Amino acid sequence: FVVTVTATCLLEDDSEAKVELLSSSPTFVHVSDVYRKENKANGYSEGLGVVYITPQIGDAGKHVVSLLVRACSGKVERMLTFKVKVQPATTN
């Protein structure tokens, strides 16, 4: 499944927002590069990161995913943590 995460930046800031996966997260979780969308009428831009959770056979169990969301300034905007429970594979 997919989770989207956003960070807010000022338009005049040319740097990019970042979504970082912390090392304690499972290996089947991946984060995209951050996409930037400018909202000139409101004077800000949004950074959008996509988190892909793709467990495979053998990944059954309870896992904790932790992310840092950084605004364009590099300042940590928030830390997100959520749990993923992967059911064991079944054969028919």
PDB file of N, CA and C in Angstrom:
ATOM      1  N   PHE A   1       0.828  -1.174   0.000  1.00  0.00           N
ATOM      2  CA  PHE A   1       0.000   0.000   0.000  1.00  0.00           C
ATOM      3  C   PHE A   1       0.872   1.236   0.000  1.00  0.00           C
ATOM      4  N   VAL A   2       0.240   2.394  -0.144  1.00  0.00           N
ATOM      5  CA  VAL A   2       0.954   3.655  -0.306  1.00  0.00           C
ATOM      6  C   VAL A   2       0.473   4.656   0.741  1.00  0.00           C
ATOM      7  N   VAL A   3       1.404   5.428   1.286  1.00  0.00           N
ATOM      8  CA  VAL A   3       1.096   6.509   2.218  1.00  0.00           C
ATOM      9  C   VAL A   3       1.708   7.778   1.645  1.00  0.00           C
ATOM     10  N   THR A   4       0.970   8.892   1.652  1.00  0.00           N
ATOM     11  CA  THR A   4       1.539  10.164   1.203  1.00  0.00           C
ATOM     12  C   THR A   4       1.804  11.050   2.416  1.00  0.00           C
ATOM     13  N   VAL A   5       2.896  11.805   2.333  1.00  0.00           N
ATOM     14  CA  VAL A   5       3.317  12.689   3.411  1.00  0.00           C
ATOM     15  C   VAL A   5       3.633  14.045   2.797  1.00  0.00           C
ATOM     16  N   THR A   6       3.215  15.135   3.449  1.00  0.00           N
ATOM     17  CA  THR A   6       3.472  16.470   2.907  1.00  0.00           C
ATOM     18  C   THR A   6       4.283  17.315   3.880  1.00  0.00           C
ATOM     19  N   ALA A   7       4.999  18.276   3.316  1.00  0.00           N
ATOM     20  CA  ALA A   7       5.727  19.302   4.075  1.00  0.00           C
ATOM     21  C   ALA A   7       5.471  20.632   3.390  1.00  0.00           C
ATOM     22  N   THR A   8       5.410  21.701   4.166  1.00  0.00           N
ATOM     23  CA  THR A   8       5.116  23.020   3.624  1.00  0.00           C
ATOM     24  C   THR A   8       6.375  23.880   3.598  1.00  0.00           C
ATOM     25  N   CYS A   9       6.565  24.621   2.499  1.00  0.00           N
ATOM     26  CA  CYS A   9       7.740  25.483   2.325  1.00  0.00           C
ATOM     27  C   CYS A   9       7.301  26.842   1.791  1.00  0.00           C
ATOM     28  N   LEU A  10       8.141  27.841   1.997  1.00  0.00           N
ATOM     29  CA  LEU A  10       7.897  29.145   1.402  1.00  0.00           C
ATOM     30  C   LEU A  10       8.303  29.107  -0.067  1.00  0.00           C
ATOM     31  N   LEU A  11       7.620  29.876  -0.898  1.00  0.00           N
ATOM     32  CA  LEU A  11       7.931  29.883  -2.335  1.00  0.00           C
ATOM     33  C   LEU A  11       9.358  30.312  -2.621  1.00  0.00           C
ATOM     34  N   GLU A  12       9.863  31.286  -1.855  1.00  0.00           N
ATOM     35  CA  GLU A  12      11.205  31.791  -2.146  1.00  0.00           C
ATOM     36  C   GLU A  12      12.327  30.842  -1.721  1.00  0.00           C
ATOM     37  N   ASP A  13      11.991  29.782  -1.020  1.00  0.00           N
ATOM     38  CA  ASP A  13      12.988  28.794  -0.622  1.00  0.00           C
ATOM     39  C   ASP A  13      13.179  27.804  -1.767  1.00  0.00           C
ATOM     40  N   ASP A  14      14.366  27.798  -2.361  1.00  0.00           N
ATOM     41  CA  ASP A  14      14.646  26.936  -3.514  1.00  0.00           C
ATOM     42  C   ASP A  14      15.023  25.506  -3.133  1.00  0.00           C
ATOM     43  N   SER A  15      15.279  25.262  -1.861  1.00  0.00           N
ATOM     44  CA  SER A  15      15.639  23.899  -1.464  1.00  0.00           C
ATOM     45  C   SER A  15      14.389  23.020  -1.445  1.00  0.00           C
ATOM     46  N   GLU A  16      14.584  21.744  -1.285  1.00  0.00           N
ATOM     47  CA  GLU A  16      13.480  20.788  -1.349  1.00  0.00           C
ATOM     48  C   GLU A  16      13.130  20.260   0.042  1.00  0.00           C
ATOM     49  N   ALA A  17      11.883  19.951   0.236  1.00  0.00           N
ATOM     50  CA  ALA A  17      11.457  19.240   1.433  1.00  0.00           C
ATOM     51  C   ALA A  17      11.992  17.813   1.340  1.00  0.00           C
ATOM     52  N   LYS A  18      12.074  17.127   2.472  1.00  0.00           N
ATOM     53  CA  LYS A  18      12.588  15.759   2.476  1.00  0.00           C
ATOM     54  C   LYS A  18      11.737  14.879   3.377  1.00  0.00           C
ATOM     55  N   VAL A  19      11.567  13.650   2.963  1.00  0.00           N
ATOM     56  CA  VAL A  19      10.962  12.619   3.789  1.00  0.00           C
ATOM     57  C   VAL A  19      12.019  11.544   3.948  1.00  0.00           C
ATOM     58  N   GLU A  20      12.400  11.281   5.205  1.00  0.00           N
ATOM     59  CA  GLU A  20      13.469  10.329   5.481  1.00  0.00           C
ATOM     60  C   GLU A  20      12.934   9.133   6.252  1.00  0.00           C
ATOM     61  N   LEU A  21      13.266   7.964   5.797  1.00  0.00           N
ATOM     62  CA  LEU A  21      12.912   6.732   6.480  1.00  0.00           C
ATOM     63  C   LEU A  21      13.988   6.454   7.523  1.00  0.00           C
ATOM     64  N   LEU A  22      13.595   6.263   8.781  1.00  0.00           N
ATOM     65  CA  LEU A  22      14.584   5.972   9.821  1.00  0.00           C
ATOM     66  C   LEU A  22      15.033   4.524   9.723  1.00  0.00           C
ATOM     67  N   SER A  23      16.263   4.267  10.129  1.00  0.00           N
ATOM     68  CA  SER A  23      16.884   2.958   9.929  1.00  0.00           C
ATOM     69  C   SER A  23      16.174   1.828  10.673  1.00  0.00           C
ATOM     70  N   SER A  24      15.380   2.136  11.680  1.00  0.00           N
ATOM     71  CA  SER A  24      14.680   1.090  12.423  1.00  0.00           C
ATOM     72  C   SER A  24      13.466   0.549  11.656  1.00  0.00           C
ATOM     73  N   SER A  25      13.127   1.179  10.537  1.00  0.00           N
ATOM     74  CA  SER A  25      11.980   0.748   9.735  1.00  0.00           C
ATOM     75  C   SER A  25      12.321  -0.505   8.935  1.00  0.00           C
ATOM     76  N   PRO A  26      11.316  -1.313   8.595  1.00  0.00           N
ATOM     77  CA  PRO A  26      11.582  -2.545   7.839  1.00  0.00           C
ATOM     78  C   PRO A  26      12.106  -2.269   6.428  1.00  0.00           C
ATOM     79  N   THR A  27      12.801  -3.234   5.882  1.00  0.00           N
ATOM     80  CA  THR A  27      13.431  -3.072   4.575  1.00  0.00           C
ATOM     81  C   THR A  27      12.434  -3.058   3.425  1.00  0.00           C
ATOM     82  N   PHE A  28      11.197  -3.462   3.660  1.00  0.00           N
ATOM     83  CA  PHE A  28      10.195  -3.450   2.586  1.00  0.00           C
ATOM     84  C   PHE A  28       9.459  -2.108   2.479  1.00  0.00           C
ATOM     85  N   VAL A  29       9.956  -1.097   3.179  1.00  0.00           N
ATOM     86  CA  VAL A  29       9.375   0.247   3.094  1.00  0.00           C
ATOM     87  C   VAL A  29      10.351   1.136   2.340  1.00  0.00           C
ATOM     88  N   HIS A  30       9.835   1.895   1.369  1.00  0.00           N
ATOM     89  CA  HIS A  30      10.669   2.761   0.533  1.00  0.00           C
ATOM     90  C   HIS A  30      10.001   4.129   0.402  1.00  0.00           C
ATOM     91  N   VAL A  31      10.816   5.169   0.258  1.00  0.00           N
ATOM     92  CA  VAL A  31      10.310   6.535   0.130  1.00  0.00           C
ATOM     93  C   VAL A  31      10.747   7.104  -1.213  1.00  0.00           C
ATOM     94  N   SER A  32       9.813   7.742  -1.911  1.00  0.00           N
ATOM     95  CA  SER A  32      10.129   8.374  -3.202  1.00  0.00           C
ATOM     96  C   SER A  32      10.888   9.675  -2.976  1.00  0.00           C
ATOM     97  N   ASP A  33      11.418  10.221  -4.052  1.00  0.00           N
ATOM     98  CA  ASP A  33      11.886  11.597  -4.014  1.00  0.00           C
ATOM     99  C   ASP A  33      10.667  12.461  -3.755  1.00  0.00           C
ATOM    100  N   VAL A  34      10.882  13.653  -3.214  1.00  0.00           N
ATOM    101  CA  VAL A  34       9.759  14.539  -2.903  1.00  0.00           C
ATOM    102  C   VAL A  34       9.375  15.343  -4.139  1.00  0.00           C
ATOM    103  N   TYR A  35       8.093  15.372  -4.424  1.00  0.00           N
ATOM    104  CA  TYR A  35       7.554  16.168  -5.525  1.00  0.00           C
ATOM    105  C   TYR A  35       7.158  17.531  -4.970  1.00  0.00           C
ATOM    106  N   ARG A  36       7.362  18.576  -5.743  1.00  0.00           N
ATOM    107  CA  ARG A  36       7.063  19.940  -5.277  1.00  0.00           C
ATOM    108  C   ARG A  36       5.935  20.545  -6.096  1.00  0.00           C
ATOM    109  N   LYS A  37       4.961  21.111  -5.392  1.00  0.00           N
ATOM    110  CA  LYS A  37       3.841  21.789  -6.032  1.00  0.00           C
ATOM    111  C   LYS A  37       3.753  23.195  -5.450  1.00  0.00           C
ATOM    112  N   GLU A  38       3.812  24.198  -6.320  1.00  0.00           N
ATOM    113  CA  GLU A  38       3.767  25.585  -5.859  1.00  0.00           C
ATOM    114  C   GLU A  38       2.340  26.113  -5.869  1.00  0.00           C
ATOM    115  N   ASN A  39       2.000  26.822  -4.820  1.00  0.00           N
ATOM    116  CA  ASN A  39       0.713  27.482  -4.712  1.00  0.00           C
ATOM    117  C   ASN A  39       0.994  28.984  -4.612  1.00  0.00           C
ATOM    118  N   LYS A  40       1.189  29.631  -5.743  1.00  0.00           N
ATOM    119  CA  LYS A  40       1.614  31.034  -5.776  1.00  0.00           C
ATOM    120  C   LYS A  40       0.590  31.969  -5.149  1.00  0.00           C
ATOM    121  N   ALA A  41      -0.690  31.660  -5.261  1.00  0.00           N
ATOM    122  CA  ALA A  41      -1.731  32.522  -4.691  1.00  0.00           C
ATOM    123  C   ALA A  41      -1.607  32.609  -3.174  1.00  0.00           C
ATOM    124  N   ASN A  42      -1.161  31.531  -2.535  1.00  0.00           N
ATOM    125  CA  ASN A  42      -1.037  31.511  -1.080  1.00  0.00           C
ATOM    126  C   ASN A  42       0.399  31.704  -0.595  1.00  0.00           C
ATOM    127  N   GLY A  43       1.374  31.780  -1.506  1.00  0.00           N
ATOM    128  CA  GLY A  43       2.751  32.068  -1.129  1.00  0.00           C
ATOM    129  C   GLY A  43       3.528  30.911  -0.522  1.00  0.00           C
ATOM    130  N   TYR A  44       3.158  29.698  -0.830  1.00  0.00           N
ATOM    131  CA  TYR A  44       3.908  28.559  -0.310  1.00  0.00           C
ATOM    132  C   TYR A  44       3.950  27.441  -1.356  1.00  0.00           C
ATOM    133  N   SER A  45       4.789  26.459  -1.071  1.00  0.00           N
ATOM    134  CA  SER A  45       4.815  25.260  -1.900  1.00  0.00           C
ATOM    135  C   SER A  45       4.679  24.060  -0.978  1.00  0.00           C
ATOM    136  N   GLU A  46       4.234  22.976  -1.543  1.00  0.00           N
ATOM    137  CA  GLU A  46       4.104  21.741  -0.787  1.00  0.00           C
ATOM    138  C   GLU A  46       5.051  20.706  -1.346  1.00  0.00           C
ATOM    139  N   GLY A  47       5.724  20.028  -0.446  1.00  0.00           N
ATOM    140  CA  GLY A  47       6.514  18.874  -0.836  1.00  0.00           C
ATOM    141  C   GLY A  47       5.701  17.633  -0.542  1.00  0.00           C
ATOM    142  N   LEU A  48       5.597  16.740  -1.500  1.00  0.00           N
ATOM    143  CA  LEU A  48       4.811  15.525  -1.344  1.00  0.00           C
ATOM    144  C   LEU A  48       5.721  14.317  -1.503  1.00  0.00           C
ATOM    145  N   GLY A  49       5.809  13.510  -0.464  1.00  0.00           N
ATOM    146  CA  GLY A  49       6.584  12.276  -0.517  1.00  0.00           C
ATOM    147  C   GLY A  49       5.648  11.086  -0.526  1.00  0.00           C
ATOM    148  N   VAL A  50       6.014  10.050  -1.245  1.00  0.00           N
ATOM    149  CA  VAL A  50       5.206   8.840  -1.318  1.00  0.00           C
ATOM    150  C   VAL A  50       5.988   7.711  -0.649  1.00  0.00           C
ATOM    151  N   VAL A  51       5.329   7.054   0.303  1.00  0.00           N
ATOM    152  CA  VAL A  51       5.928   5.943   1.035  1.00  0.00           C
ATOM    153  C   VAL A  51       5.278   4.658   0.524  1.00  0.00           C
ATOM    154  N   TYR A  52       6.102   3.751   0.021  1.00  0.00           N
ATOM    155  CA  TYR A  52       5.615   2.479  -0.534  1.00  0.00           C
ATOM    156  C   TYR A  52       5.885   1.365   0.475  1.00  0.00           C
ATOM    157  N   ILE A  53       4.840   0.644   0.862  1.00  0.00           N
ATOM    158  CA  ILE A  53       4.981  -0.480   1.771  1.00  0.00           C
ATOM    159  C   ILE A  53       4.676  -1.737   0.965  1.00  0.00           C
ATOM    160  N   THR A  54       5.716  -2.527   0.700  1.00  0.00           N
ATOM    161  CA  THR A  54       5.582  -3.687  -0.189  1.00  0.00           C
ATOM    162  C   THR A  54       6.184  -4.943   0.452  1.00  0.00           C
ATOM    163  N   PRO A  55       5.516  -5.495   1.476  1.00  0.00           N
ATOM    164  CA  PRO A  55       6.059  -6.706   2.102  1.00  0.00           C
ATOM    165  C   PRO A  55       6.044  -7.890   1.150  1.00  0.00           C
ATOM    166  N   GLN A  56       6.963  -8.785   1.380  1.00  0.00           N
ATOM    167  CA  GLN A  56       7.102  -9.989   0.568  1.00  0.00           C
ATOM    168  C   GLN A  56       6.919 -11.209   1.473  1.00  0.00           C
ATOM    169  N   ILE A  57       6.908 -12.388   0.861  1.00  0.00           N
ATOM    170  CA  ILE A  57       6.847 -13.623   1.645  1.00  0.00           C
ATOM    171  C   ILE A  57       8.053 -13.628   2.588  1.00  0.00           C
ATOM    172  N   GLY A  58       7.804 -13.941   3.835  1.00  0.00           N
ATOM    173  CA  GLY A  58       8.881 -13.946   4.831  1.00  0.00           C
ATOM    174  C   GLY A  58       8.896 -12.693   5.688  1.00  0.00           C
ATOM    175  N   ASP A  59       8.079 -11.693   5.364  1.00  0.00           N
ATOM    176  CA  ASP A  59       8.032 -10.440   6.128  1.00  0.00           C
ATOM    177  C   ASP A  59       6.908 -10.415   7.162  1.00  0.00           C
ATOM    178  N   ALA A  60       6.256 -11.569   7.408  1.00  0.00           N
ATOM    179  CA  ALA A  60       5.138 -11.605   8.350  1.00  0.00           C
ATOM    180  C   ALA A  60       5.582 -11.117   9.723  1.00  0.00           C
ATOM    181  N   GLY A  61       4.663 -10.431  10.407  1.00  0.00           N
ATOM    182  CA  GLY A  61       4.934  -9.952  11.755  1.00  0.00           C
ATOM    183  C   GLY A  61       4.477  -8.517  11.928  1.00  0.00           C
ATOM    184  N   LYS A  62       4.739  -7.993  13.112  1.00  0.00           N
ATOM    185  CA  LYS A  62       4.388  -6.610  13.426  1.00  0.00           C
ATOM    186  C   LYS A  62       5.636  -5.752  13.264  1.00  0.00           C
ATOM    187  N   HIS A  63       5.505  -4.651  12.530  1.00  0.00           N
ATOM    188  CA  HIS A  63       6.637  -3.781  12.230  1.00  0.00           C
ATOM    189  C   HIS A  63       6.276  -2.332  12.552  1.00  0.00           C
ATOM    190  N   VAL A  64       7.285  -1.537  12.875  1.00  0.00           N
ATOM    191  CA  VAL A  64       7.093  -0.111  13.132  1.00  0.00           C
ATOM    192  C   VAL A  64       7.835   0.668  12.052  1.00  0.00           C
ATOM    193  N   VAL A  65       7.133   1.600  11.411  1.00  0.00           N
ATOM    194  CA  VAL A  65       7.714   2.459  10.383  1.00  0.00           C
ATOM    195  C   VAL A  65       7.849   3.855  10.978  1.00  0.00           C
ATOM    196  N   SER A  66       9.039   4.441  10.870  1.00  0.00           N
ATOM    197  CA  SER A  66       9.288   5.789  11.400  1.00  0.00           C
ATOM    198  C   SER A  66       9.861   6.676  10.304  1.00  0.00           C
ATOM    199  N   LEU A  67       9.283   7.867  10.171  1.00  0.00           N
ATOM    200  CA  LEU A  67       9.681   8.830   9.142  1.00  0.00           C
ATOM    201  C   LEU A  67       9.954  10.189   9.760  1.00  0.00           C
ATOM    202  N   LEU A  68      10.934  10.903   9.205  1.00  0.00           N
ATOM    203  CA  LEU A  68      11.149  12.311   9.521  1.00  0.00           C
ATOM    204  C   LEU A  68      10.723  13.121   8.314  1.00  0.00           C
ATOM    205  N   VAL A  69       9.921  14.141   8.540  1.00  0.00           N
ATOM    206  CA  VAL A  69       9.485  15.033   7.469  1.00  0.00           C
ATOM    207  C   VAL A  69      10.182  16.363   7.703  1.00  0.00           C
ATOM    208  N   ARG A  70      11.000  16.783   6.724  1.00  0.00           N
ATOM    209  CA  ARG A  70      11.749  18.033   6.848  1.00  0.00           C
ATOM    210  C   ARG A  70      11.200  19.071   5.872  1.00  0.00           C
ATOM    211  N   ALA A  71      10.979  20.268   6.385  1.00  0.00           N
ATOM    212  CA  ALA A  71      10.570  21.382   5.530  1.00  0.00           C
ATOM    213  C   ALA A  71      11.762  21.800   4.683  1.00  0.00           C
ATOM    214  N   CYS A  72      11.561  22.706   3.744  1.00  0.00           N
ATOM    215  CA  CYS A  72      12.643  23.134   2.855  1.00  0.00           C
ATOM    216  C   CYS A  72      13.823  23.744   3.607  1.00  0.00           C
ATOM    217  N   SER A  73      13.561  24.313   4.760  1.00  0.00           N
ATOM    218  CA  SER A  73      14.629  24.903   5.566  1.00  0.00           C
ATOM    219  C   SER A  73      15.538  23.839   6.165  1.00  0.00           C
ATOM    220  N   GLY A  74      15.130  22.572   6.103  1.00  0.00           N
ATOM    221  CA  GLY A  74      15.889  21.483   6.700  1.00  0.00           C
ATOM    222  C   GLY A  74      15.423  21.163   8.112  1.00  0.00           C
ATOM    223  N   LYS A  75      14.591  22.033   8.674  1.00  0.00           N
ATOM    224  CA  LYS A  75      14.071  21.835  10.024  1.00  0.00           C
ATOM    225  C   LYS A  75      13.073  20.679  10.026  1.00  0.00           C
ATOM    226  N   VAL A  76      13.147  19.833  11.050  1.00  0.00           N
ATOM    227  CA  VAL A  76      12.200  18.726  11.158  1.00  0.00           C
ATOM    228  C   VAL A  76      10.818  19.305  11.435  1.00  0.00           C
ATOM    229  N   GLU A  77       9.896  19.050  10.527  1.00  0.00           N
ATOM    230  CA  GLU A  77       8.526  19.526  10.666  1.00  0.00           C
ATOM    231  C   GLU A  77       7.723  18.587  11.558  1.00  0.00           C
ATOM    232  N   ARG A  78       7.966  17.289  11.383  1.00  0.00           N
ATOM    233  CA  ARG A  78       7.301  16.299  12.233  1.00  0.00           C
ATOM    234  C   ARG A  78       7.949  14.928  12.051  1.00  0.00           C
ATOM    235  N   MET A  79       7.720  14.094  13.065  1.00  0.00           N
ATOM    236  CA  MET A  79       8.146  12.698  12.994  1.00  0.00           C
ATOM    237  C   MET A  79       6.873  11.857  13.004  1.00  0.00           C
ATOM    238  N   LEU A  80       6.781  10.934  12.085  1.00  0.00           N
ATOM    239  CA  LEU A  80       5.616  10.061  11.979  1.00  0.00           C
ATOM    240  C   LEU A  80       6.029   8.632  12.283  1.00  0.00           C
ATOM    241  N   THR A  81       5.204   7.954  13.042  1.00  0.00           N
ATOM    242  CA  THR A  81       5.437   6.547  13.334  1.00  0.00           C
ATOM    243  C   THR A  81       4.104   5.825  13.195  1.00  0.00           C
ATOM    244  N   PHE A  82       4.116   4.714  12.494  1.00  0.00           N
ATOM    245  CA  PHE A  82       2.912   3.899  12.405  1.00  0.00           C
ATOM    246  C   PHE A  82       3.300   2.433  12.372  1.00  0.00           C
ATOM    247  N   LYS A  83       2.328   1.588  12.707  1.00  0.00           N
ATOM    248  CA  LYS A  83       2.569   0.145  12.769  1.00  0.00           C
ATOM    249  C   LYS A  83       1.978  -0.533  11.540  1.00  0.00           C
ATOM    250  N   VAL A  84       2.675  -1.564  11.099  1.00  0.00           N
ATOM    251  CA  VAL A  84       2.219  -2.384   9.972  1.00  0.00           C
ATOM    252  C   VAL A  84       2.234  -3.833  10.439  1.00  0.00           C
ATOM    253  N   LYS A  85       1.103  -4.493  10.277  1.00  0.00           N
ATOM    254  CA  LYS A  85       1.033  -5.922  10.608  1.00  0.00           C
ATOM    255  C   LYS A  85       0.910  -6.691   9.295  1.00  0.00           C
ATOM    256  N   VAL A  86       1.890  -7.515   9.026  1.00  0.00           N
ATOM    257  CA  VAL A  86       1.912  -8.328   7.806  1.00  0.00           C
ATOM    258  C   VAL A  86       1.483  -9.742   8.168  1.00  0.00           C
ATOM    259  N   GLN A  87       0.422 -10.205   7.514  1.00  0.00           N
ATOM    260  CA  GLN A  87      -0.090 -11.558   7.752  1.00  0.00           C
ATOM    261  C   GLN A  87       0.807 -12.568   7.048  1.00  0.00           C
ATOM    262  N   PRO A  88       0.944 -13.764   7.602  1.00  0.00           N
ATOM    263  CA  PRO A  88       1.730 -14.807   6.927  1.00  0.00           C
ATOM    264  C   PRO A  88       1.075 -15.186   5.596  1.00  0.00           C
ATOM    265  N   ALA A  89       1.900 -15.570   4.644  1.00  0.00           N
ATOM    266  CA  ALA A  89       1.384 -16.014   3.351  1.00  0.00           C
ATOM    267  C   ALA A  89       0.665 -17.340   3.523  1.00  0.00           C
ATOM    268  N   THR A  90      -0.397 -17.514   2.746  1.00  0.00           N
ATOM    269  CA  THR A  90      -1.136 -18.783   2.788  1.00  0.00           C
ATOM    270  C   THR A  90      -1.099 -19.418   1.420  1.00  0.00           C
ATOM    271  N   THR A  91      -1.149 -20.730   1.403  1.00  0.00           N
ATOM    272  CA  THR A  91      -1.188 -21.436   0.116  1.00  0.00           C
ATOM    273  C   THR A  91      -2.539 -22.097  -0.021  1.00  0.00           C
ATOM    274  N   ASN A  92      -3.005 -22.218  -1.221  1.00  0.00           N
ATOM    275  CA  ASN A  92      -4.311 -22.835  -1.480  1.00  0.00           C
ATOM    276  C   ASN A  92      -4.147 -24.254  -1.919  1.00  0.00           C
TER     277      ASN A  92
END
